[in-house]
PDB file of N, CA and C in Angstrom:
ATOM      1  N   MET A   1      54.127 -16.860 147.378  1.00  0.00           N
ATOM      2  CA  MET A   1      53.149 -17.718 146.741  1.00  0.00           C
ATOM      3  C   MET A   1      51.890 -17.727 147.615  1.00  0.00           C
ATOM      4  N   ALA A   2      50.919 -16.962 147.234  1.00  0.00           N
ATOM      5  CA  ALA A   2      49.691 -16.832 148.018  1.00  0.00           C
ATOM      6  C   ALA A   2      48.923 -18.141 148.025  1.00  0.00           C
ATOM      7  N   GLY A   3      48.417 -18.489 149.176  1.00  0.00           N
ATOM      8  CA  GLY A   3      47.605 -19.693 149.292  1.00  0.00           C
ATOM      9  C   GLY A   3      48.396 -20.980 149.158  1.00  0.00           C
ATOM     10  N   ALA A   4      49.698 -20.908 149.274  1.00  0.00           N
ATOM     11  CA  ALA A   4      50.529 -22.104 149.115  1.00  0.00           C
ATOM     12  C   ALA A   4      50.379 -23.010 150.328  1.00  0.00           C
ATOM     13  N   VAL A   5      50.370 -24.276 150.081  1.00  0.00           N
ATOM     14  CA  VAL A   5      50.350 -25.269 151.146  1.00  0.00           C
ATOM     15  C   VAL A   5      51.788 -25.703 151.382  1.00  0.00           C
ATOM     16  N   LYS A   6      52.248 -25.587 152.583  1.00  0.00           N
ATOM     17  CA  LYS A   6      53.624 -25.927 152.919  1.00  0.00           C
ATOM     18  C   LYS A   6      53.757 -27.435 153.098  1.00  0.00           C
ATOM     19  N   ARG A   7      54.844 -27.975 152.565  1.00  0.00           N
ATOM     20  CA  ARG A   7      55.180 -29.384 152.711  1.00  0.00           C
ATOM     21  C   ARG A   7      56.650 -29.476 153.097  1.00  0.00           C
ATOM     22  N   SER A   8      56.968 -30.501 153.809  1.00  0.00           N
ATOM     23  CA  SER A   8      58.356 -30.770 154.138  1.00  0.00           C
ATOM     24  C   SER A   8      58.731 -32.074 153.445  1.00  0.00           C
ATOM     25  N   ILE A   9      59.786 -32.046 152.649  1.00  0.00           N
ATOM     26  CA  ILE A   9      60.183 -33.245 151.920  1.00  0.00           C
ATOM     27  C   ILE A   9      61.637 -33.568 152.207  1.00  0.00           C
ATOM     28  N   GLY A  10      61.981 -34.803 152.016  1.00  0.00           N
ATOM     29  CA  GLY A  10      63.362 -35.233 152.130  1.00  0.00           C
ATOM     30  C   GLY A  10      63.846 -35.690 150.764  1.00  0.00           C
ATOM     31  N   LEU A  11      65.063 -35.358 150.430  1.00  0.00           N
ATOM     32  CA  LEU A  11      65.652 -35.762 149.149  1.00  0.00           C
ATOM     33  C   LEU A  11      66.881 -36.622 149.417  1.00  0.00           C
ATOM     34  N   SER A  12      67.099 -37.569 148.533  1.00  0.00           N
ATOM     35  CA  SER A  12      68.338 -38.341 148.615  1.00  0.00           C
ATOM     36  C   SER A  12      69.495 -37.388 148.343  1.00  0.00           C
ATOM     37  N   PRO A  13      70.680 -37.733 148.779  1.00  0.00           N
ATOM     38  CA  PRO A  13      71.832 -36.861 148.493  1.00  0.00           C
ATOM     39  C   PRO A  13      72.015 -36.602 146.990  1.00  0.00           C
ATOM     40  N   GLN A  14      71.746 -37.599 146.162  1.00  0.00           N
ATOM     41  CA  GLN A  14      71.893 -37.431 144.715  1.00  0.00           C
ATOM     42  C   GLN A  14      70.875 -36.427 144.174  1.00  0.00           C
ATOM     43  N   ARG A  15      69.642 -36.520 144.633  1.00  0.00           N
ATOM     44  CA  ARG A  15      68.617 -35.592 144.160  1.00  0.00           C
ATOM     45  C   ARG A  15      68.859 -34.189 144.697  1.00  0.00           C
ATOM     46  N   ALA A  16      69.299 -34.081 145.942  1.00  0.00           N
ATOM     47  CA  ALA A  16      69.604 -32.771 146.504  1.00  0.00           C
ATOM     48  C   ALA A  16      70.745 -32.125 145.714  1.00  0.00           C
ATOM     49  N   ALA A  17      71.747 -32.914 145.349  1.00  0.00           N
ATOM     50  CA  ALA A  17      72.865 -32.387 144.557  1.00  0.00           C
ATOM     51  C   ALA A  17      72.378 -31.938 143.182  1.00  0.00           C
ATOM     52  N   PHE A  18      71.441 -32.682 142.610  1.00  0.00           N
ATOM     53  CA  PHE A  18      70.880 -32.303 141.309  1.00  0.00           C
ATOM     54  C   PHE A  18      70.167 -30.959 141.405  1.00  0.00           C
ATOM     55  N   VAL A  19      69.346 -30.800 142.437  1.00  0.00           N
ATOM     56  CA  VAL A  19      68.644 -29.529 142.648  1.00  0.00           C
ATOM     57  C   VAL A  19      69.660 -28.404 142.827  1.00  0.00           C
ATOM     58  N   ASP A  20      70.692 -28.663 143.608  1.00  0.00           N
ATOM     59  CA  ASP A  20      71.719 -27.641 143.831  1.00  0.00           C
ATOM     60  C   ASP A  20      72.405 -27.250 142.522  1.00  0.00           C
ATOM     61  N   ARG A  21      72.675 -28.236 141.658  1.00  0.00           N
ATOM     62  CA  ARG A  21      73.294 -27.926 140.363  1.00  0.00           C
ATOM     63  C   ARG A  21      72.370 -27.076 139.507  1.00  0.00           C
ATOM     64  N   LEU A  22      71.083 -27.395 139.521  1.00  0.00           N
ATOM     65  CA  LEU A  22      70.125 -26.593 138.751  1.00  0.00           C
ATOM     66  C   LEU A  22      70.085 -25.157 139.253  1.00  0.00           C
ATOM     67  N   LEU A  23      70.111 -24.992 140.554  1.00  0.00           N
ATOM     68  CA  LEU A  23      70.093 -23.648 141.135  1.00  0.00           C
ATOM     69  C   LEU A  23      71.388 -22.910 140.811  1.00  0.00           C
ATOM     70  N   ALA A  24      72.507 -23.629 140.825  1.00  0.00           N
ATOM     71  CA  ALA A  24      73.802 -23.000 140.563  1.00  0.00           C
ATOM     72  C   ALA A  24      73.902 -22.478 139.129  1.00  0.00           C
ATOM     73  N   THR A  25      73.198 -23.126 138.204  1.00  0.00           N
ATOM     74  CA  THR A  25      73.244 -22.671 136.805  1.00  0.00           C
ATOM     75  C   THR A  25      72.422 -21.419 136.593  1.00  0.00           C
ATOM     76  N   GLY A  26      71.556 -21.114 137.545  1.00  0.00           N
ATOM     77  CA  GLY A  26      70.684 -19.963 137.390  1.00  0.00           C
ATOM     78  C   GLY A  26      69.421 -20.268 136.604  1.00  0.00           C
ATOM     79  N   ALA A  27      69.244 -21.538 136.221  1.00  0.00           N
ATOM     80  CA  ALA A  27      68.057 -21.922 135.469  1.00  0.00           C
ATOM     81  C   ALA A  27      66.794 -21.774 136.312  1.00  0.00           C
ATOM     82  N   TYR A  28      66.953 -21.899 137.615  1.00  0.00           N
ATOM     83  CA  TYR A  28      65.828 -21.765 138.546  1.00  0.00           C
ATOM     84  C   TYR A  28      66.240 -20.827 139.660  1.00  0.00           C
ATOM     85  N   ALA A  29      65.303 -20.013 140.105  1.00  0.00           N
ATOM     86  CA  ALA A  29      65.594 -19.028 141.144  1.00  0.00           C
ATOM     87  C   ALA A  29      65.637 -19.656 142.533  1.00  0.00           C
ATOM     88  N   ASP A  30      64.806 -20.679 142.747  1.00  0.00           N
ATOM     89  CA  ASP A  30      64.757 -21.305 144.069  1.00  0.00           C
ATOM     90  C   ASP A  30      64.217 -22.730 143.941  1.00  0.00           C
ATOM     91  N   VAL A  31      64.225 -23.422 145.060  1.00  0.00           N
ATOM     92  CA  VAL A  31      63.793 -24.827 145.080  1.00  0.00           C
ATOM     93  C   VAL A  31      62.336 -24.949 144.649  1.00  0.00           C
ATOM     94  N   ASP A  32      61.508 -23.987 145.010  1.00  0.00           N
ATOM     95  CA  ASP A  32      60.096 -24.039 144.612  1.00  0.00           C
ATOM     96  C   ASP A  32      59.948 -24.111 143.090  1.00  0.00           C
ATOM     97  N   GLU A  33      60.768 -23.342 142.374  1.00  0.00           N
ATOM     98  CA  GLU A  33      60.689 -23.377 140.910  1.00  0.00           C
ATOM     99  C   GLU A  33      61.099 -24.753 140.369  1.00  0.00           C
ATOM    100  N   VAL A  34      62.101 -25.355 140.983  1.00  0.00           N
ATOM    101  CA  VAL A  34      62.540 -26.696 140.555  1.00  0.00           C
ATOM    102  C   VAL A  34      61.410 -27.695 140.766  1.00  0.00           C
ATOM    103  N   ILE A  35      60.808 -27.652 141.936  1.00  0.00           N
ATOM    104  CA  ILE A  35      59.709 -28.572 142.248  1.00  0.00           C
ATOM    105  C   ILE A  35      58.532 -28.331 141.313  1.00  0.00           C
ATOM    106  N   ASP A  36      58.197 -27.061 141.073  1.00  0.00           N
ATOM    107  CA  ASP A  36      57.100 -26.738 140.147  1.00  0.00           C
ATOM    108  C   ASP A  36      57.367 -27.304 138.757  1.00  0.00           C
ATOM    109  N   ALA A  37      58.592 -27.151 138.269  1.00  0.00           N
ATOM    110  CA  ALA A  37      58.935 -27.662 136.934  1.00  0.00           C
ATOM    111  C   ALA A  37      58.807 -29.182 136.902  1.00  0.00           C
ATOM    112  N   GLY A  38      59.265 -29.833 137.951  1.00  0.00           N
ATOM    113  CA  GLY A  38      59.150 -31.293 138.014  1.00  0.00           C
ATOM    114  C   GLY A  38      57.701 -31.748 138.049  1.00  0.00           C
ATOM    115  N   LEU A  39      56.891 -31.061 138.822  1.00  0.00           N
ATOM    116  CA  LEU A  39      55.473 -31.421 138.904  1.00  0.00           C
ATOM    117  C   LEU A  39      54.747 -31.158 137.590  1.00  0.00           C
ATOM    118  N   ARG A  40      55.103 -30.059 136.911  1.00  0.00           N
ATOM    119  CA  ARG A  40      54.502 -29.793 135.593  1.00  0.00           C
ATOM    120  C   ARG A  40      54.865 -30.901 134.611  1.00  0.00           C
ATOM    121  N   ALA A  41      56.127 -31.346 134.664  1.00  0.00           N
ATOM    122  CA  ALA A  41      56.560 -32.426 133.770  1.00  0.00           C
ATOM    123  C   ALA A  41      55.787 -33.715 134.067  1.00  0.00           C
ATOM    124  N   LEU A  42      55.573 -34.011 135.335  1.00  0.00           N
ATOM    125  CA  LEU A  42      54.787 -35.196 135.703  1.00  0.00           C
ATOM    126  C   LEU A  42      53.340 -35.072 135.244  1.00  0.00           C
ATOM    127  N   GLN A  43      52.767 -33.880 135.396  1.00  0.00           N
ATOM    128  CA  GLN A  43      51.393 -33.662 134.929  1.00  0.00           C
ATOM    129  C   GLN A  43      51.301 -33.838 133.416  1.00  0.00           C
ATOM    130  N   ASP A  44      52.275 -33.304 132.692  1.00  0.00           N
ATOM    131  CA  ASP A  44      52.286 -33.466 131.233  1.00  0.00           C
ATOM    132  C   ASP A  44      52.410 -34.935 130.854  1.00  0.00           C
ATOM    133  N   GLN A  45      53.288 -35.643 131.550  1.00  0.00           N
ATOM    134  CA  GLN A  45      53.480 -37.074 131.281  1.00  0.00           C
ATOM    135  C   GLN A  45      52.195 -37.845 131.561  1.00  0.00           C
ATOM    136  N   ASP A  46      51.574 -37.577 132.687  1.00  0.00           N
ATOM    137  CA  ASP A  46      50.315 -38.256 133.023  1.00  0.00           C
ATOM    138  C   ASP A  46      49.229 -37.951 131.993  1.00  0.00           C
ATOM    139  N   ALA A  47      49.154 -36.702 131.555  1.00  0.00           N
ATOM    140  CA  ALA A  47      48.154 -36.318 130.559  1.00  0.00           C
ATOM    141  C   ALA A  47      48.408 -37.041 129.237  1.00  0.00           C
ATOM    142  N   GLU A  48      49.674 -37.191 128.852  1.00  0.00           N
ATOM    143  CA  GLU A  48      50.013 -37.892 127.611  1.00  0.00           C
ATOM    144  C   GLU A  48      49.676 -39.376 127.710  1.00  0.00           C
ATOM    145  N   ILE A  49      49.948 -39.973 128.842  1.00  0.00           N
ATOM    146  CA  ILE A  49      49.592 -41.386 129.042  1.00  0.00           C
ATOM    147  C   ILE A  49      48.081 -41.546 128.964  1.00  0.00           C
ATOM    148  N   GLU A  50      47.354 -40.671 129.626  1.00  0.00           N
ATOM    149  CA  GLU A  50      45.886 -40.727 129.605  1.00  0.00           C
ATOM    150  C   GLU A  50      45.357 -40.561 128.181  1.00  0.00           C
ATOM    151  N   ARG A  51      45.943 -39.621 127.429  1.00  0.00           N
ATOM    152  CA  ARG A  51      45.519 -39.397 126.041  1.00  0.00           C
ATOM    153  C   ARG A  51      45.774 -40.644 125.199  1.00  0.00           C
ATOM    154  N   ARG A  52      46.946 -41.240 125.349  1.00  0.00           N
ATOM    155  CA  ARG A  52      47.268 -42.438 124.562  1.00  0.00           C
ATOM    156  C   ARG A  52      46.341 -43.596 124.921  1.00  0.00           C
ATOM    157  N   LEU A  53      46.057 -43.747 126.191  1.00  0.00           N
ATOM    158  CA  LEU A  53      45.127 -44.808 126.588  1.00  0.00           C
ATOM    159  C   LEU A  53      43.753 -44.581 125.969  1.00  0.00           C
ATOM    160  N   ARG A  54      43.287 -43.344 126.038  1.00  0.00           N
ATOM    161  CA  ARG A  54      41.963 -43.010 125.532  1.00  0.00           C
ATOM    162  C   ARG A  54      41.898 -43.112 124.005  1.00  0.00           C
ATOM    163  N   GLU A  55      42.907 -42.568 123.308  1.00  0.00           N
ATOM    164  CA  GLU A  55      42.848 -42.475 121.851  1.00  0.00           C
ATOM    165  C   GLU A  55      43.440 -43.677 121.119  1.00  0.00           C
ATOM    166  N   ASP A  56      44.426 -44.333 121.712  1.00  0.00           N
ATOM    167  CA  ASP A  56      45.110 -45.422 121.016  1.00  0.00           C
ATOM    168  C   ASP A  56      44.756 -46.807 121.551  1.00  0.00           C
ATOM    169  N   VAL A  57      44.739 -46.949 122.857  1.00  0.00           N
ATOM    170  CA  VAL A  57      44.540 -48.267 123.448  1.00  0.00           C
ATOM    171  C   VAL A  57      43.062 -48.639 123.532  1.00  0.00           C
ATOM    172  N   ALA A  58      42.233 -47.749 124.036  1.00  0.00           N
ATOM    173  CA  ALA A  58      40.815 -48.070 124.233  1.00  0.00           C
ATOM    174  C   ALA A  58      40.120 -48.484 122.939  1.00  0.00           C
ATOM    175  N   PRO A  59      40.335 -47.795 121.801  1.00  0.00           N
ATOM    176  CA  PRO A  59      39.668 -48.225 120.578  1.00  0.00           C
ATOM    177  C   PRO A  59      40.082 -49.642 120.131  1.00  0.00           C
ATOM    178  N   VAL A  60      41.354 -49.973 120.330  1.00  0.00           N
ATOM    179  CA  VAL A  60      41.814 -51.321 119.960  1.00  0.00           C
ATOM    180  C   VAL A  60      41.177 -52.346 120.882  1.00  0.00           C
ATOM    181  N   TYR A  61      41.157 -52.039 122.166  1.00  0.00           N
ATOM    182  CA  TYR A  61      40.516 -52.943 123.127  1.00  0.00           C
ATOM    183  C   TYR A  61      39.051 -53.157 122.752  1.00  0.00           C
ATOM    184  N   ASP A  62      38.352 -52.063 122.459  1.00  0.00           N
ATOM    185  CA  ASP A  62      36.938 -52.166 122.087  1.00  0.00           C
ATOM    186  C   ASP A  62      36.756 -52.995 120.821  1.00  0.00           C
ATOM    187  N   ALA A  63      37.646 -52.823 119.849  1.00  0.00           N
ATOM    188  CA  ALA A  63      37.551 -53.592 118.600  1.00  0.00           C
ATOM    189  C   ALA A  63      37.766 -55.072 118.854  1.00  0.00           C
ATOM    190  N   VAL A  64      38.702 -55.407 119.715  1.00  0.00           N
ATOM    191  CA  VAL A  64      38.966 -56.820 120.043  1.00  0.00           C
ATOM    192  C   VAL A  64      37.791 -57.403 120.807  1.00  0.00           C
ATOM    193  N   GLU A  65      37.243 -56.637 121.717  1.00  0.00           N
ATOM    194  CA  GLU A  65      36.072 -57.112 122.462  1.00  0.00           C
ATOM    195  C   GLU A  65      34.900 -57.368 121.515  1.00  0.00           C
ATOM    196  N   ALA A  66      34.741 -56.502 120.519  1.00  0.00           N
ATOM    197  CA  ALA A  66      33.631 -56.638 119.575  1.00  0.00           C
ATOM    198  C   ALA A  66      33.846 -57.805 118.617  1.00  0.00           C
ATOM    199  N   ASP A  67      35.119 -58.093 118.288  1.00  0.00           N
ATOM    200  CA  ASP A  67      35.421 -59.159 117.336  1.00  0.00           C
ATOM    201  C   ASP A  67      36.701 -59.876 117.752  1.00  0.00           C
ATOM    202  N   PRO A  68      36.610 -60.800 118.717  1.00  0.00           N
ATOM    203  CA  PRO A  68      37.805 -61.493 119.206  1.00  0.00           C
ATOM    204  C   PRO A  68      38.530 -62.290 118.117  1.00  0.00           C
ATOM    205  N   GLY A  69      37.861 -62.600 117.029  1.00  0.00           N
ATOM    206  CA  GLY A  69      38.482 -63.342 115.950  1.00  0.00           C
ATOM    207  C   GLY A  69      39.587 -62.558 115.244  1.00  0.00           C
ATOM    208  N   ARG A  70      39.630 -61.260 115.473  1.00  0.00           N
ATOM    209  CA  ARG A  70      40.671 -60.425 114.861  1.00  0.00           C
ATOM    210  C   ARG A  70      42.041 -60.669 115.468  1.00  0.00           C
ATOM    211  N   VAL A  71      42.067 -61.265 116.650  1.00  0.00           N
ATOM    212  CA  VAL A  71      43.311 -61.446 117.392  1.00  0.00           C
ATOM    213  C   VAL A  71      43.971 -62.755 116.973  1.00  0.00           C
ATOM    214  N   ILE A  72      45.290 -62.698 116.799  1.00  0.00           N
ATOM    215  CA  ILE A  72      46.025 -63.935 116.536  1.00  0.00           C
ATOM    216  C   ILE A  72      46.906 -64.212 117.748  1.00  0.00           C
ATOM    217  N   PRO A  73      47.149 -65.484 118.031  1.00  0.00           N
ATOM    218  CA  PRO A  73      48.014 -65.817 119.170  1.00  0.00           C
ATOM    219  C   PRO A  73      49.414 -65.220 118.987  1.00  0.00           C
ATOM    220  N   VAL A  74      50.031 -64.844 120.088  1.00  0.00           N
ATOM    221  CA  VAL A  74      51.331 -64.198 120.036  1.00  0.00           C
ATOM    222  C   VAL A  74      52.373 -65.086 119.363  1.00  0.00           C
ATOM    223  N   ASP A  75      52.309 -66.389 119.584  1.00  0.00           N
ATOM    224  CA  ASP A  75      53.277 -67.281 118.939  1.00  0.00           C
ATOM    225  C   ASP A  75      53.143 -67.227 117.420  1.00  0.00           C
ATOM    226  N   ASP A  76      51.908 -67.146 116.938  1.00  0.00           N
ATOM    227  CA  ASP A  76      51.691 -67.031 115.486  1.00  0.00           C
ATOM    228  C   ASP A  76      52.242 -65.704 114.963  1.00  0.00           C
ATOM    229  N   ALA A  77      52.039 -64.653 115.711  1.00  0.00           N
ATOM    230  CA  ALA A  77      52.544 -63.343 115.296  1.00  0.00           C
ATOM    231  C   ALA A  77      54.062 -63.371 115.196  1.00  0.00           C
ATOM    232  N   PHE A  78      54.717 -63.961 116.200  1.00  0.00           N
ATOM    233  CA  PHE A  78      56.176 -64.029 116.163  1.00  0.00           C
ATOM    234  C   PHE A  78      56.660 -64.939 115.043  1.00  0.00           C
ATOM    235  N   ASP A  79      55.940 -66.036 114.794  1.00  0.00           N
ATOM    236  CA  ASP A  79      56.308 -66.901 113.665  1.00  0.00           C
ATOM    237  C   ASP A  79      56.257 -66.118 112.360  1.00  0.00           C
ATOM    238  N   ARG A  80      55.217 -65.309 112.194  1.00  0.00           N
ATOM    239  CA  ARG A  80      55.097 -64.491 110.981  1.00  0.00           C
ATOM    240  C   ARG A  80      56.236 -63.474 110.879  1.00  0.00           C
ATOM    241  N   LEU A  81      56.564 -62.846 112.009  1.00  0.00           N
ATOM    242  CA  LEU A  81      57.654 -61.874 112.008  1.00  0.00           C
ATOM    243  C   LEU A  81      58.994 -62.538 111.700  1.00  0.00           C
ATOM    244  N   ARG A  82      59.226 -63.719 112.274  1.00  0.00           N
ATOM    245  CA  ARG A  82      60.472 -64.432 111.992  1.00  0.00           C
ATOM    246  C   ARG A  82      60.567 -64.790 110.515  1.00  0.00           C
ATOM    247  N   ALA A  83      59.465 -65.242 109.940  1.00  0.00           N
ATOM    248  CA  ALA A  83      59.455 -65.594 108.522  1.00  0.00           C
ATOM    249  C   ALA A  83      59.707 -64.363 107.659  1.00  0.00           C
ATOM    250  N   LEU A  84      59.090 -63.251 108.009  1.00  0.00           N
ATOM    251  CA  LEU A  84      59.302 -62.007 107.267  1.00  0.00           C
ATOM    252  C   LEU A  84      60.755 -61.566 107.373  1.00  0.00           C
ATOM    253  N   HIS A  85      61.292 -61.639 108.575  1.00  0.00           N
ATOM    254  CA  HIS A  85      62.686 -61.261 108.788  1.00  0.00           C
ATOM    255  C   HIS A  85      63.626 -62.152 107.978  1.00  0.00           C
ATOM    256  N   ALA A  86      63.364 -63.447 108.016  1.00  0.00           N
ATOM    257  CA  ALA A  86      64.204 -64.378 107.253  1.00  0.00           C
ATOM    258  C   ALA A  86      64.161 -64.081 105.762  1.00  0.00           C
ATOM    259  N   SER A  87      62.972 -63.768 105.245  1.00  0.00           N
ATOM    260  CA  SER A  87      62.875 -63.476 103.816  1.00  0.00           C
ATOM    261  C   SER A  87      63.576 -62.163 103.470  1.00  0.00           C
ATOM    262  N   CYS A  88      63.527 -61.189 104.379  1.00  0.00           N
ATOM    263  CA  CYS A  88      64.242 -59.931 104.143  1.00  0.00           C
ATOM    264  C   CYS A  88      65.750 -60.142 104.175  1.00  0.00           C
ATOM    265  N   VAL A  89      66.230 -60.951 105.123  1.00  0.00           N
ATOM    266  CA  VAL A  89      67.650 -61.236 105.210  1.00  0.00           C
ATOM    267  C   VAL A  89      68.101 -61.978 103.957  1.00  0.00           C
ATOM    268  N   LYS A  90      67.316 -62.944 103.530  1.00  0.00           N
ATOM    269  CA  LYS A  90      67.650 -63.724 102.335  1.00  0.00           C
ATOM    270  C   LYS A  90      67.699 -62.825 101.099  1.00  0.00           C
ATOM    271  N   ALA A  91      66.793 -61.859 101.029  1.00  0.00           N
ATOM    272  CA  ALA A  91      66.725 -60.946  99.890  1.00  0.00           C
ATOM    273  C   ALA A  91      67.763 -59.824  99.989  1.00  0.00           C
ATOM    274  N   GLY A  92      68.469 -59.765 101.120  1.00  0.00           N
ATOM    275  CA  GLY A  92      69.489 -58.740 101.308  1.00  0.00           C
ATOM    276  C   GLY A  92      68.944 -57.377 101.671  1.00  0.00           C
ATOM    277  N   LYS A  93      67.778 -57.321 102.238  1.00  0.00           N
ATOM    278  CA  LYS A  93      67.169 -56.037 102.623  1.00  0.00           C
ATOM    279  C   LYS A  93      67.500 -55.702 104.058  1.00  0.00           C
TER     280      LYS A  93
END
């Protein structure tokens, strides 16, 4: 791996055993591949969280900031949900 930066890490016995099992299956050629796969998964997870914050959370936050009257208190929301649930149970749904 050209230009690689060397690091020394310690693993718990459980994590070391997990890495050993992955290597034993032949799914990974060496520990570097296991670490690379784990880091790629973390990068993907972080990117997905960032995307959701940007695309899903931020617009709602901005809408609430622009019109706070759109928000109902959490107790009212739960009261509405309980009433809806009760009516569904009563109706046999």
